[in-house]
Protein backbone atom coordinates (compact mmCIF):
# COMPACT_ATOMS: atom_id res chain seq x y z
CA MET A 1 99.42 15.79 -33.58
CA ARG A 2 98.79 13.72 -36.29
CA GLY A 3 94.97 14.09 -37.78
CA PHE A 4 94.41 17.41 -34.88
CA PRO A 5 92.72 19.85 -37.76
CA VAL A 6 90.03 16.92 -39.26
CA ARG A 7 89.32 15.52 -35.56
CA TYR A 8 88.56 19.27 -34.36
CA LEU A 9 87.67 21.11 -37.45
CA GLY A 10 84.32 21.41 -35.80
CA MET A 11 85.58 23.19 -32.64
CA MET A 12 87.96 25.37 -34.94
CA VAL A 13 85.50 26.50 -37.38
CA VAL A 14 82.61 27.52 -34.63
CA SER A 15 85.46 29.42 -32.37
CA LEU A 16 86.75 31.10 -35.51
CA VAL A 17 83.07 32.51 -36.12
CA PHE A 18 82.86 33.10 -32.50
CA ALA A 19 85.59 35.43 -32.53
CA THR A 20 84.66 37.15 -35.62
CA SER A 21 81.40 37.77 -34.98
CA LEU A 22 82.20 39.03 -31.67
CA ALA A 23 84.38 41.80 -33.30
CA PHE A 24 81.79 42.15 -35.87
CA GLY A 25 79.23 43.10 -32.76
CA LEU A 26 81.49 44.96 -30.79
CA LEU A 27 82.50 47.08 -33.52
CA LEU A 28 79.60 47.45 -35.70
CA ASP A 29 76.87 46.18 -33.15
CA THR A 30 75.54 43.65 -35.53
CA GLY A 31 75.10 40.08 -35.67
CA TRP A 32 74.66 39.18 -32.11
CA TRP A 33 72.48 36.32 -33.13
CA MET A 34 75.76 34.95 -34.63
CA VAL A 35 77.49 35.53 -31.40
CA VAL A 36 75.21 33.53 -29.19
CA LEU A 37 75.05 30.50 -31.42
CA SER A 38 78.38 30.33 -32.33
CA GLY A 39 78.81 30.90 -28.20
CA ALA A 40 76.21 27.68 -27.25
CA LEU A 41 78.23 25.51 -29.95
CA MET A 42 81.41 26.45 -28.83
CA ALA A 43 80.38 25.47 -25.17
CA VAL A 44 78.83 22.34 -26.25
CA GLY A 45 82.51 21.60 -27.82
CA ILE A 46 84.06 22.32 -24.57
CA ALA A 47 81.63 20.08 -22.64
CA ASP A 48 82.27 17.11 -25.25
CA MET A 49 86.21 17.55 -24.92
CA ARG A 50 86.26 17.29 -20.89
CA GLN A 51 83.12 14.44 -20.70
CA LYS A 52 84.25 11.02 -20.08
CA GLU A 53 81.21 9.06 -21.14
CA HIS A 54 81.72 8.65 -25.09
CA ALA A 55 85.33 8.79 -26.52
CA LEU A 56 84.01 9.95 -29.63
CA LEU A 57 82.76 13.38 -28.31
CA ARG A 58 86.08 13.62 -26.82
CA ASN A 59 87.94 13.01 -30.25
CA TYR A 60 85.54 14.69 -32.29
CA PRO A 61 83.75 17.03 -30.59
CA ILE A 62 80.27 19.03 -32.05
CA LEU A 63 81.38 16.98 -35.08
CA ALA A 64 80.36 13.30 -33.36
CA HIS A 65 76.80 14.71 -32.60
CA PHE A 66 75.94 14.66 -36.16
CA ARG A 67 76.89 11.18 -36.18
CA TYR A 68 74.45 10.71 -33.54
CA LEU A 69 71.86 12.66 -35.25
CA LEU A 70 72.19 10.31 -38.18
CA GLU A 71 72.16 6.85 -36.45
CA SER A 72 68.76 8.06 -34.61
CA VAL A 73 66.64 8.63 -37.84
CA ARG A 74 68.55 5.70 -39.57
CA PRO A 75 65.44 3.32 -38.93
CA GLU A 76 63.02 6.55 -40.47
CA ILE A 77 65.28 6.83 -43.65
CA ARG A 78 65.89 3.29 -44.62
CA GLN A 79 61.79 2.87 -44.20
CA TYR A 80 60.64 5.75 -46.06
CA PHE A 81 63.55 5.98 -48.76
CA LEU A 82 65.53 2.72 -48.55
CA GLU A 83 63.55 0.04 -48.06
CA GLU A 84 62.52 -2.56 -50.91
CA ASP A 85 59.05 -3.42 -51.33
CA ALA A 86 59.40 -7.32 -50.73
CA ALA A 87 61.75 -7.10 -48.02
CA ALA A 88 61.02 -8.57 -45.05
CA ASN A 89 61.76 -7.10 -41.54
CA PRO A 90 60.07 -8.28 -40.21
CA PHE A 91 56.95 -7.07 -42.57
CA SER A 92 57.97 -5.81 -46.03
CA ARG A 93 56.48 -3.04 -47.50
CA ASN A 94 54.04 -5.04 -50.04
CA GLN A 95 52.78 -7.28 -46.76
CA ARG A 96 51.76 -3.60 -44.88
CA SER A 97 50.72 -1.98 -47.58
CA LEU A 98 48.34 -4.57 -48.47
CA VAL A 99 46.98 -4.78 -44.61
CA TYR A 100 46.13 -0.77 -44.68
CA GLN A 101 44.35 -1.08 -48.06
CA ARG A 102 42.01 -4.12 -46.77
CA ALA A 103 41.38 -1.95 -43.58
CA LYS A 104 40.67 1.09 -45.56
CA GLN A 105 38.93 -0.59 -48.06
CA ALA A 106 41.35 0.81 -51.11
CA ILE A 107 42.18 -1.12 -53.92
CA ASP A 108 44.13 -3.67 -53.10
CA LYS A 109 45.14 -5.53 -56.50
CA ARG A 110 48.03 -4.96 -58.06
CA PRO A 111 49.17 -3.84 -61.66
CA PHE A 112 51.99 -5.32 -64.41
CA GLY A 113 52.86 -8.60 -62.44
CA THR A 114 54.25 -10.23 -59.47
CA GLN A 115 57.41 -8.53 -58.06
CA MET A 116 58.48 -11.74 -56.54
CA ASP A 117 61.09 -13.90 -58.23
CA VAL A 118 59.40 -17.09 -58.92
CA TYR A 119 62.69 -19.16 -59.71
CA GLN A 120 63.96 -18.34 -56.51
CA SER A 121 64.66 -20.97 -54.03
CA ASP A 122 61.60 -21.34 -51.20
CA TYR A 123 58.98 -19.76 -53.47
CA GLU A 124 55.65 -21.00 -52.80
CA TRP A 125 52.37 -21.18 -54.70
CA ILE A 126 49.24 -23.12 -54.59
CA ASN A 127 47.66 -25.09 -57.68
CA HIS A 128 44.47 -23.70 -59.49
CA SER A 129 42.18 -26.23 -61.19
CA ILE A 130 40.75 -25.93 -64.69
CA VAL A 131 37.62 -25.81 -62.81
CA PRO A 132 37.29 -23.77 -60.04
CA ALA A 133 34.82 -23.64 -57.30
CA LYS A 134 31.81 -22.16 -56.12
CA VAL A 135 32.05 -20.62 -52.70
CA GLY A 136 28.91 -19.40 -51.31
CA SER A 137 30.45 -17.13 -48.29
CA HIS A 138 33.64 -16.03 -46.92
CA ASP A 139 32.59 -16.30 -43.51
CA PHE A 140 34.93 -19.76 -43.14
CA ARG A 141 34.25 -20.89 -39.51
CA ILE A 142 35.20 -24.55 -37.38
CA THR A 143 33.71 -25.57 -34.13
CA ILE A 144 36.00 -26.04 -31.05
CA GLY A 145 34.52 -28.29 -28.64
CA ALA A 146 32.15 -29.87 -30.23
CA ASP A 147 31.28 -32.60 -27.74
CA ARG A 148 31.80 -30.05 -24.59
CA ALA A 149 28.67 -28.26 -23.10
CA GLN A 150 29.53 -24.94 -24.87
CA PRO A 151 31.18 -25.70 -28.45
CA TYR A 152 32.02 -22.45 -30.22
CA SER A 153 32.46 -21.63 -33.89
CA ALA A 154 35.03 -19.98 -34.55
CA SER A 155 36.46 -17.77 -37.52
CA ILE A 156 39.06 -19.52 -39.43
CA PHE A 157 41.05 -16.11 -38.88
CA ASN A 158 41.29 -14.19 -35.11
CA ILE A 159 43.18 -11.91 -33.52
CA SER A 160 46.36 -13.41 -31.30
CA ALA A 161 47.16 -12.94 -28.06
CA MET A 162 48.11 -9.05 -26.86
CA SER A 163 47.79 -8.05 -23.41
CA PHE A 164 46.27 -4.92 -22.18
CA GLY A 165 49.25 -3.20 -20.77
CA ALA A 166 51.48 -4.06 -23.74
CA LEU A 167 48.53 -2.61 -26.00
CA SER A 168 46.98 0.97 -25.04
CA GLY A 169 43.17 0.82 -23.46
CA ASN A 170 42.29 2.08 -26.98
CA ALA A 171 43.95 -0.55 -28.83
CA ILE A 172 42.42 -3.33 -26.79
CA ARG A 173 38.61 -1.39 -27.42
CA ALA A 174 39.12 -1.09 -31.25
CA LEU A 175 40.45 -4.92 -31.55
CA ASN A 176 37.44 -5.97 -29.60
CA ARG A 177 35.38 -4.01 -31.34
CA GLY A 178 36.64 -4.81 -34.70
CA ALA A 179 36.09 -8.77 -33.20
CA GLN A 180 32.39 -8.04 -32.80
CA ILE A 181 31.62 -6.12 -35.82
CA GLY A 182 33.31 -9.38 -37.43
CA GLY A 183 32.09 -12.13 -35.87
CA PHE A 184 35.49 -13.43 -34.97
CA MET A 185 37.70 -13.79 -31.32
CA HIS A 186 39.86 -12.17 -29.48
CA ASP A 187 42.56 -13.15 -27.43
CA THR A 188 43.36 -11.55 -24.35
CA GLY A 189 47.04 -12.12 -24.01
CA GLU A 190 48.21 -13.47 -20.26
CA GLY A 191 47.00 -9.74 -19.03
CA SER A 192 43.73 -10.99 -18.57
CA ILE A 193 40.50 -9.19 -19.36
CA SER A 194 40.32 -5.61 -18.49
CA ARG A 195 37.82 -3.29 -18.70
CA TYR A 196 38.73 -2.17 -22.53
CA HIS A 197 38.10 -6.13 -23.24
CA ARG A 198 34.59 -5.23 -21.97
CA PRO A 199 31.93 -2.99 -24.08
CA GLU A 200 31.72 0.25 -22.69
CA HIS A 201 27.77 0.27 -22.45
CA ALA A 202 26.35 -2.83 -20.56
CA ASP A 203 23.44 -3.64 -22.96
CA GLU A 204 25.70 -3.70 -25.90
CA PRO A 205 27.26 -6.95 -27.30
CA GLY A 206 31.46 -7.67 -26.76
CA GLY A 207 33.66 -9.19 -28.88
CA ASP A 208 34.11 -13.29 -28.25
CA LEU A 209 36.91 -13.35 -26.20
CA MET A 210 39.77 -16.77 -25.72
CA TRP A 211 40.87 -15.86 -22.16
CA GLU A 212 44.91 -16.79 -21.67
CA ILE A 213 45.96 -18.03 -18.62
CA GLY A 214 49.40 -17.43 -18.20
CA SER A 215 51.82 -18.58 -15.66
CA GLY A 216 51.12 -15.69 -13.56
CA TYR A 217 47.42 -16.48 -13.55
CA PHE A 218 46.46 -12.65 -14.00
CA GLY A 219 42.87 -12.45 -13.43
CA CYS A 220 42.35 -15.31 -11.70
CA CYS A 221 45.33 -15.30 -8.48
CA ASN A 222 45.73 -15.27 -5.18
CA ALA A 223 47.67 -13.28 -2.86
CA ASP A 224 51.10 -15.62 -3.05
CA SER A 225 50.70 -15.29 -7.18
CA SER A 226 48.96 -19.31 -6.95
CA PHE A 227 46.03 -19.90 -9.13
CA SER A 228 42.78 -19.37 -7.53
CA PRO A 229 39.87 -21.34 -8.66
CA GLU A 230 37.21 -19.12 -7.47
CA LYS A 231 38.26 -15.83 -8.97
CA PHE A 232 38.83 -18.28 -12.25
CA GLU A 233 35.66 -19.48 -12.23
CA VAL A 234 33.65 -15.59 -11.86
CA ASN A 235 35.77 -14.70 -15.03
CA ALA A 236 35.31 -17.63 -17.06
CA ARG A 237 31.94 -18.12 -17.09
CA LEU A 238 31.36 -14.63 -18.32
CA PRO A 239 29.30 -15.19 -21.81
CA GLN A 240 31.70 -12.75 -23.61
CA VAL A 241 34.47 -15.33 -23.00
CA LYS A 242 34.15 -18.23 -25.56
CA MET A 243 37.35 -20.30 -25.29
CA ILE A 244 40.01 -20.67 -22.27
CA GLU A 245 43.92 -21.06 -23.56
CA ILE A 246 46.90 -22.27 -21.03
CA LYS A 247 49.81 -20.42 -22.22
CA LEU A 248 53.09 -22.41 -21.75
CA SER A 249 55.31 -20.57 -23.43
CA GLN A 250 55.27 -18.05 -26.71
CA GLY A 251 57.05 -18.12 -29.81
CA ALA A 252 58.77 -14.60 -29.60
CA LYS A 253 60.55 -15.51 -26.14
CA PRO A 254 59.77 -19.33 -25.02
CA GLY A 255 60.94 -20.20 -21.56
CA HIS A 256 61.60 -16.43 -20.55
CA GLY A 257 59.31 -15.13 -18.01
CA GLY A 258 59.16 -11.33 -17.12
CA VAL A 259 58.48 -8.60 -14.48
CA LEU A 260 56.36 -5.35 -15.10
CA PRO A 261 57.92 -2.69 -12.89
CA GLY A 262 55.85 -1.59 -10.42
CA ALA A 263 55.88 2.14 -11.22
CA LYS A 264 54.08 0.68 -14.67
CA VAL A 265 51.29 -1.16 -12.62
CA SER A 266 48.51 1.41 -13.14
CA PRO A 267 45.34 0.99 -11.60
CA GLU A 268 43.64 -0.62 -14.47
CA ILE A 269 46.18 -2.97 -15.14
CA ALA A 270 46.20 -3.91 -11.73
CA GLU A 271 42.55 -4.23 -11.85
CA ALA A 272 42.82 -6.25 -14.71
CA ARG A 273 45.38 -8.52 -13.24
CA GLY A 274 44.00 -8.58 -9.99
CA VAL A 275 47.63 -7.73 -8.38
CA PRO A 276 48.36 -4.88 -6.25
CA GLU A 277 49.04 -1.45 -7.86
CA GLY A 278 52.54 -0.34 -7.81
CA ILE A 279 54.05 -3.38 -7.01
CA ASP A 280 56.40 -5.29 -9.07
CA CYS A 281 54.24 -7.70 -10.96
CA ILE A 282 55.86 -11.12 -12.14
CA SER A 283 55.17 -13.54 -14.78
CA PRO A 284 56.97 -16.67 -13.78
CA SER A 285 59.15 -18.35 -16.74
CA SER A 286 57.09 -22.31 -15.59
CA HIS A 287 53.13 -22.53 -13.96
CA SER A 288 52.87 -23.62 -10.06
CA ALA A 289 49.70 -25.26 -10.73
CA PHE A 290 51.43 -28.28 -12.44
CA ASN A 291 54.84 -30.02 -13.16
CA SER A 292 54.30 -32.67 -15.56
CA PRO A 293 52.31 -33.39 -18.43
CA THR A 294 49.27 -35.35 -16.76
CA GLY A 295 49.33 -32.29 -14.55
CA LEU A 296 48.73 -29.97 -17.24
CA LEU A 297 45.77 -32.42 -18.63
CA HIS A 298 44.38 -32.53 -15.24
CA PHE A 299 44.55 -28.73 -14.67
CA VAL A 300 42.44 -28.29 -18.42
CA GLU A 301 40.11 -30.31 -17.20
CA GLN A 302 40.02 -28.59 -13.96
CA LEU A 303 39.39 -25.14 -16.25
CA ARG A 304 36.83 -27.00 -18.32
CA MET A 305 34.68 -28.03 -15.76
CA LEU A 306 35.25 -24.45 -13.76
CA SER A 307 34.18 -22.54 -16.72
CA GLY A 308 31.00 -24.58 -17.33
CA GLY A 309 32.27 -26.75 -20.53
CA LYS A 310 33.82 -24.07 -22.55
CA PRO A 311 36.44 -25.28 -24.73
CA THR A 312 39.82 -25.66 -23.44
CA GLY A 313 43.48 -26.17 -24.61
CA PHE A 314 46.83 -24.68 -24.40
CA LYS A 315 49.30 -22.47 -26.44
CA LEU A 316 52.86 -23.33 -26.91
CA ALA A 317 55.90 -22.86 -28.65
CA ILE A 318 57.74 -26.10 -29.50
CA GLY A 319 61.10 -27.01 -27.77
CA HIS A 320 62.76 -29.77 -26.55
CA PRO A 321 60.37 -32.69 -28.42
CA TRP A 322 59.87 -35.28 -25.75
CA GLU A 323 58.17 -32.32 -23.80
CA LEU A 324 55.82 -32.59 -26.73
CA PHE A 325 55.24 -36.46 -26.72
CA GLY A 326 55.26 -36.52 -22.94
CA ILE A 327 51.77 -34.40 -23.02
CA ALA A 328 50.90 -36.93 -26.22
CA LYS A 329 51.55 -39.86 -23.95
CA ALA A 330 49.42 -38.42 -20.72
CA MET A 331 46.73 -37.85 -23.41
CA LEU A 332 46.60 -41.48 -24.21
CA GLU A 333 46.95 -42.41 -19.70
CA THR A 334 44.51 -40.51 -18.66
CA GLY A 335 42.09 -40.55 -21.25
CA ILE A 336 41.97 -36.24 -21.20
CA THR A 337 42.40 -34.41 -24.36
CA PRO A 338 42.51 -30.73 -24.85
CA ASP A 339 39.77 -29.01 -27.21
CA PHE A 340 42.45 -27.39 -29.16
CA ILE A 341 46.28 -26.49 -29.18
CA VAL A 342 47.81 -23.25 -30.47
CA VAL A 343 51.19 -23.48 -31.88
CA ASP A 344 53.40 -20.14 -32.32
CA GLY A 345 55.99 -19.78 -34.08
CA ALA A 346 59.63 -18.59 -33.19
CA GLU A 347 58.72 -15.97 -36.34
CA GLY A 348 55.71 -14.71 -33.90
CA GLY A 349 56.31 -11.00 -32.24
CA THR A 350 56.15 -9.52 -28.90
CA GLY A 351 56.20 -6.07 -27.41
CA ALA A 352 60.27 -6.50 -25.76
CA ALA A 353 62.26 -9.60 -25.14
CA PRO A 354 66.01 -10.16 -25.31
CA VAL A 355 67.31 -10.21 -28.30
CA GLU A 356 69.28 -13.69 -27.76
CA PHE A 357 65.57 -15.27 -27.40
CA THR A 358 63.84 -13.19 -30.68
CA ASP A 359 66.36 -14.83 -32.75
CA HIS A 360 67.55 -17.82 -31.06
CA VAL A 361 65.24 -19.58 -29.34
CA GLY A 362 62.11 -21.61 -29.98
CA VAL A 363 61.24 -23.75 -33.42
CA PRO A 364 59.64 -21.73 -36.18
CA LEU A 365 55.96 -22.32 -37.03
CA GLN A 366 56.39 -24.64 -40.29
CA GLU A 367 58.32 -27.23 -38.29
CA ALA A 368 56.44 -26.79 -35.48
CA LEU A 369 53.19 -27.31 -36.65
CA LEU A 370 54.34 -29.98 -38.46
CA LEU A 371 55.39 -31.44 -35.12
CA VAL A 372 52.37 -30.91 -33.56
CA HIS A 373 49.98 -32.04 -36.30
CA ASN A 374 52.43 -35.69 -36.85
CA THR A 375 51.46 -35.66 -33.28
CA LEU A 376 48.16 -35.91 -33.27
CA VAL A 377 47.65 -37.88 -36.15
CA GLY A 378 50.17 -40.53 -34.99
CA ILE A 379 48.76 -41.20 -31.31
CA GLY A 380 45.09 -41.14 -33.62
CA LEU A 381 43.49 -38.06 -31.96
CA ARG A 382 43.58 -35.53 -34.68
CA ASP A 383 40.18 -35.58 -35.27
CA LYS A 384 39.03 -34.75 -31.90
CA ILE A 385 41.70 -31.41 -31.24
CA ARG A 386 41.83 -28.65 -32.92
CA ILE A 387 45.19 -26.89 -33.98
CA GLY A 388 45.55 -23.27 -34.25
CA ALA A 389 48.83 -21.45 -35.37
CA SER A 390 50.18 -17.95 -35.26
CA GLY A 391 53.36 -16.13 -36.27
CA LYS A 392 53.85 -13.80 -39.40
CA ILE A 393 50.55 -14.44 -40.74
CA VAL A 394 48.87 -11.35 -42.54
CA THR A 395 47.39 -12.72 -46.07
CA ALA A 396 45.01 -15.04 -47.61
CA PHE A 397 48.31 -16.95 -48.88
CA ASP A 398 49.69 -17.25 -45.24
CA ILE A 399 46.23 -19.02 -44.14
CA VAL A 400 46.30 -21.21 -47.53
CA ARG A 401 49.84 -22.36 -46.63
CA THR A 402 49.08 -22.37 -42.60
CA LEU A 403 46.03 -24.98 -43.07
CA ALA A 404 47.47 -27.09 -45.92
CA LEU A 405 50.39 -27.63 -43.31
CA GLY A 406 47.87 -29.29 -40.90
CA ALA A 407 46.65 -25.94 -38.71
CA ASP A 408 42.51 -25.45 -38.56
CA TRP A 409 42.52 -22.18 -37.66
CA CYS A 410 45.13 -19.00 -37.96
CA ASN A 411 45.95 -15.98 -35.70
CA SER A 412 47.40 -12.78 -36.32
CA ALA A 413 48.76 -10.40 -33.87
CA ARG A 414 50.61 -7.66 -35.86
CA GLY A 415 48.50 -8.10 -38.92
CA PHE A 416 45.71 -6.83 -36.78
CA MET A 417 48.08 -4.17 -35.19
CA PHE A 418 48.32 -2.92 -39.16
CA ALA A 419 44.95 -2.77 -39.50
CA LEU A 420 44.94 -0.20 -36.51
CA GLY A 421 47.10 1.83 -37.83
CA CYS A 422 50.97 0.40 -36.84
CA ILE A 423 53.62 1.81 -39.17
CA GLN A 424 56.59 -0.89 -37.97
CA SER A 425 58.42 2.24 -36.07
CA GLN A 426 59.53 -0.85 -33.56
CA SER A 427 59.20 0.86 -30.51
CA CYS A 428 57.03 -0.78 -28.59
CA HIS A 429 59.38 -0.98 -25.76
CA THR A 430 59.71 2.61 -25.32
CA ASP A 431 56.04 3.57 -24.64
CA ARG A 432 56.29 6.20 -27.30
CA CYS A 433 54.39 4.83 -30.23
CA PRO A 434 53.97 6.79 -32.58
CA THR A 435 50.46 5.78 -33.70
CA GLY A 436 48.68 5.21 -29.99
CA ILE A 437 48.84 0.93 -30.11
CA ALA A 438 51.61 0.14 -28.05
CA THR A 439 51.67 2.54 -25.01
CA GLN A 440 50.48 3.88 -21.52
CA ASP A 441 50.59 7.09 -22.44
CA PRO A 442 46.98 9.31 -22.49
CA MET A 443 48.00 11.86 -24.81
CA ARG A 444 49.82 8.92 -27.35
CA GLN A 445 46.87 6.76 -27.31
CA ARG A 446 44.27 9.43 -27.67
CA ALA A 447 45.27 9.45 -31.57
CA LEU A 448 43.65 6.16 -32.20
CA VAL A 449 40.16 7.13 -32.34
CA VAL A 450 38.11 3.54 -31.59
CA PRO A 451 35.22 3.99 -33.79
CA ASP A 452 37.31 4.43 -37.17
CA LYS A 453 39.87 1.48 -35.74
CA ALA A 454 37.07 -0.87 -35.00
CA GLU A 455 35.96 -0.68 -38.53
CA ARG A 456 39.14 -1.21 -40.17
CA VAL A 457 39.73 -4.25 -38.05
CA ALA A 458 36.83 -5.62 -39.12
CA ASN A 459 37.42 -4.57 -42.86
CA PHE A 460 40.79 -6.52 -43.10
CA HIS A 461 39.31 -9.65 -41.28
CA ARG A 462 36.32 -9.33 -43.94
CA ASN A 463 38.47 -8.63 -47.21
CA THR A 464 41.36 -11.09 -45.78
CA LEU A 465 38.74 -13.89 -45.79
CA LYS A 466 37.43 -12.70 -49.01
CA ALA A 467 40.93 -13.09 -51.23
CA LEU A 468 41.13 -16.62 -49.35
CA ALA A 469 37.71 -17.78 -50.64
CA GLU A 470 39.15 -16.53 -54.35
CA LEU A 471 42.17 -18.66 -53.59
CA ILE A 472 40.42 -21.55 -52.56
CA ALA A 473 38.04 -21.44 -55.37
CA ALA A 474 40.85 -20.98 -58.10
CA ALA A 475 41.88 -24.46 -56.49
CA GLY A 476 38.80 -26.14 -56.62
CA LEU A 477 38.22 -26.24 -52.84
CA SER A 478 35.02 -24.65 -51.05
CA HIS A 479 36.00 -24.77 -47.91
CA PRO A 480 39.48 -23.86 -46.21
CA SER A 481 39.53 -27.33 -44.04
CA GLU A 482 39.59 -29.47 -47.60
CA LEU A 483 43.24 -27.82 -48.41
CA LYS A 484 46.32 -30.35 -47.71
CA PRO A 485 50.05 -30.49 -47.97
CA HIS A 486 49.40 -31.64 -51.93
CA HIS A 487 47.76 -28.37 -52.70
CA LEU A 488 50.86 -26.61 -51.94
CA VAL A 489 53.78 -26.26 -53.91
CA ARG A 490 57.26 -25.30 -53.42
CA ARG A 491 60.29 -24.76 -55.70
CA VAL A 492 63.67 -26.19 -53.91
CA SER A 493 65.77 -24.91 -56.58
CA ALA A 494 66.11 -23.19 -60.23
CA ASN A 495 64.75 -26.63 -62.03
CA GLN A 496 63.21 -28.44 -59.49
CA VAL A 497 59.96 -27.65 -57.49
CA LYS A 498 58.19 -30.09 -54.88
CA LEU A 499 54.91 -30.96 -53.52
CA ALA A 500 55.02 -30.17 -49.70
CA SER A 501 53.01 -33.72 -49.35
CA ALA A 502 56.28 -35.18 -50.92
CA LEU A 503 58.74 -32.56 -49.47
CA LEU A 504 58.01 -32.42 -45.55
CA PRO A 505 57.45 -36.02 -43.60
CA TYR A 506 53.61 -36.88 -42.69
CA LEU A 507 52.57 -40.19 -40.32
CA GLU A 508 49.88 -42.18 -40.52
CA PRO A 509 46.98 -42.37 -38.19
CA GLY A 510 47.74 -44.21 -35.14
CA GLN A 511 51.19 -44.64 -36.73
CA LEU A 512 52.38 -44.07 -33.24
CA LEU A 513 50.20 -46.44 -31.41
CA SER A 514 51.72 -49.43 -32.97
CA GLU A 515 53.04 -52.45 -30.65
CA ALA A 516 55.72 -53.14 -33.43
CA ASP A 517 58.76 -51.36 -33.38
CA THR A 518 58.14 -48.70 -35.91
CA THR A 519 60.55 -46.50 -34.92
CA GLN A 520 62.99 -47.50 -38.43
CA ALA A 521 60.15 -46.35 -39.93
CA LEU A 522 59.19 -42.94 -38.39
CA PRO A 523 61.06 -39.60 -38.94
CA GLU A 524 64.02 -38.98 -36.97
CA VAL A 525 62.62 -36.83 -34.35
CA PHE A 526 59.86 -39.37 -33.42
CA ALA A 527 62.46 -42.08 -33.55
CA LYS A 528 64.59 -40.50 -31.35
CA TYR A 529 62.46 -38.72 -28.88
CA TRP A 530 59.39 -40.67 -28.87
CA PRO A 531 60.27 -43.71 -26.70
CA ILE A 532 62.02 -41.70 -24.13
CA ALA A 533 59.19 -39.29 -23.63
CA GLN A 534 57.24 -40.35 -20.31
CA ALA A 535 53.59 -38.63 -18.75
CA GLU A 536 54.61 -38.35 -15.40
CA SER A 537 57.38 -35.64 -16.39
CA PHE A 538 58.43 -33.06 -18.67
CA HIS A 539 62.10 -34.88 -18.75
CA PRO A 540 63.50 -37.69 -20.75
CA ILE A 541 63.60 -41.53 -19.59
CA ARG A 542 67.89 -41.16 -19.05
């Protein structure tokens, strides 16, 4: 019986209060509310001791409920009272606050100096010039698919892939209207083009779209889920669609397919994806339209032709290096090149994914971007193929770092979600998003007022690019495309710093094309895996 008074203290106290209040009630005809309350709690305690699912409740009736209550509000207590301003989990309060301020046109300046430890390893900065440049406009743009029939002039900062279904209709509509106001691009995500991606009225312009084609071929699939060229062509030739992106994998859950249960396949989702309402909607882990690097490039060419010559490329998270090298060799063998490659880092976000995938699968953005950039440089095609990058990019310095490492433009998903009002409650997978962004609940998404949030999306984009203009001007540059690895400095120890150009390996143009055996001079990943990659298969040569 050791420990009995502590374990059953709650039950004992409630029983005592019940007996006392009952006696007072019977004798003095008062305090019946206490009888009801203590009686209800005693019933809870009896139920706790009789149930067989939770050992904690059997051992600590009534008291254990306080533990569950505190556990349920732990994330909120941590975020509002205990979280450090600079602790990124996954985004710090400082990062979120900066987005909110820029979206709301509030003051985004900070007094009293940096809160960062500038002597901590991995601290980064950009070197400034004594003679800063004059930057005329913050509307930085690049041309993608310059030699195609319909090249696209893209902003260097755009909305990353988020599907209707993962986000609410109002969230998609606000993002797209914000993209239209600001003149930047909105990636549809693999859920295809919904009614919310299009303007509410036919005479209104819609925001520019990058149509993402995933392994389920939503919006362009046959009844057996195979790719339909006819259905693809109808959507791809919409004036609002500016680019076509084949999704090979996603940073947060590469190699993982998905199933949207039939109960969640609403009429609107079924309409957007071109699938039957109420039937399980399957996203396979791999594509059925091709099964080799050469097949992928022929698929790229097919989609480019069907779209009328719009820039076409693919998005991937890096896994086995030989698979990327096989695609590069296929470019050389076929002469077919994508117009762009979007590199998605392992730190990228998702509405829901297995924990092991989000934590331990896929290559982080720095290494992934460097590998793609070096591969294209090494085969002499870097000037022909643009590189986009995504993965925890929300500030102007995030853009600077990413472009300096080798990207041409950046995409952000969660940054624009913060602009919509996301509070990082991390309840995206529950359909109970408190701000109406990541939910299909009609009442919850009513809270998101589209015109107001669209302006905030446009404000965040504009003010971030204004901050970027100030940064590159301070570095003596006139356009972000001039950023190179030697502009980025990283602390590697308390008393040593290095330029990114010295810290990270970079290939020379055409270095992988040399007929001589140059494997000894190549970085290890190329020396080891380039020789075993093949254009005919994603598998290595054995």
